[in-house]
Amino acid sequence: MNHTPHPELTGRCYLVGAGPGDPELLTIKALKAIQSATLLLVDDLVTDEIVAMASPTARVIRVGKRGGCISTPQEFIERLMLMAVREGEIVVRLKGGDPFIFGRGGEEAEHLRAAGVHVEVINGITSGLAAPSSLGISLTHREHAHGVVLVTGHAGHGNEGVNWREIGHMAQRAKLTLVIYMGVSSAREIESGLLAGGLDAQTPAALISNASKQKQTHVIAELGQLADTLKESGLGSPCVFVIGDVVRTGDPAALFGDGSYFRVAERESISSPAWR
């Protein structure tokens, strides 16, 4: 298939990662694209502070997409982007986190390229990195994790669900950190599957909501109590689960110092020998 940019398409299109929410985590290149846009198509998780960086003459259209809520159809978003480029607009598709990590950026880029539109992707900091970093947790660690797996807890319509047993087996065997996006509604299934795959019930987990934003909250639990802890804490979406021994390396002041609800069996502190 010929994806050469069409000479009649005079506009431009950018897929821009807005990062996890904190405006100071926005890249300089992303800021420049936002400021140059004549049309911004903005996802639900992008903060108002970031949208406010756009030109006052730019049109802003909210095309929110969040699991369990009424969402703008993906096909409509793609048609709108293509139509705007054909009309000469500078289109910025502004997405939370990174466009190519559970942001459907790949689908949108394919659609536009197939129509002859050149797409520039501007990366953003994904919440799967910002969330653990805010608690001093390193996703990889020479003593605790040889790698990291990013996985969605929310399968698309018509797709088979994630094989959590296989994911758990792989993580246990290869000593990997698991970072799970959009897992709130599947917490019970995630917990049971990972345990069935061989992960220890006492594997530590950090559950972080609204990473990097002022309203960020988190809870700490053991894998065997993940679903119950999540339910009791009232933590909601957007939420990232970080599961693995690297949670033990987190900053105790950040993990427990603010009085955040936590449940780690009957232990009162991450300084417990069992945690170190």
Foldseek 3Di string as FASTA:
>chain_A
DQLAADPLQQAAEEEEECELEPNVQGDPVNLVLQQQFQEEEEEPRHDPVSNVSYDPNHHYHYQYDDPPDDGRDPVVVLVVVLVCRSVHGHYYYYFYAFCPQPNCNVVSCVSQSVVNHDYHYHTGHHLLVLQQVLQQFDQDDPVQAPEEDEEEQDDDPPDDGDQLLCVLLCCVVRRGKYKYWPNLVPLVVNLVNNVNNPDDQQWKKKKWASGPDPPIAIEIEGSVCRNVQCVVLVDDPRIMMITTLSSLVGDQCSHPVVPGYYYRPPDDGSPPPVSD
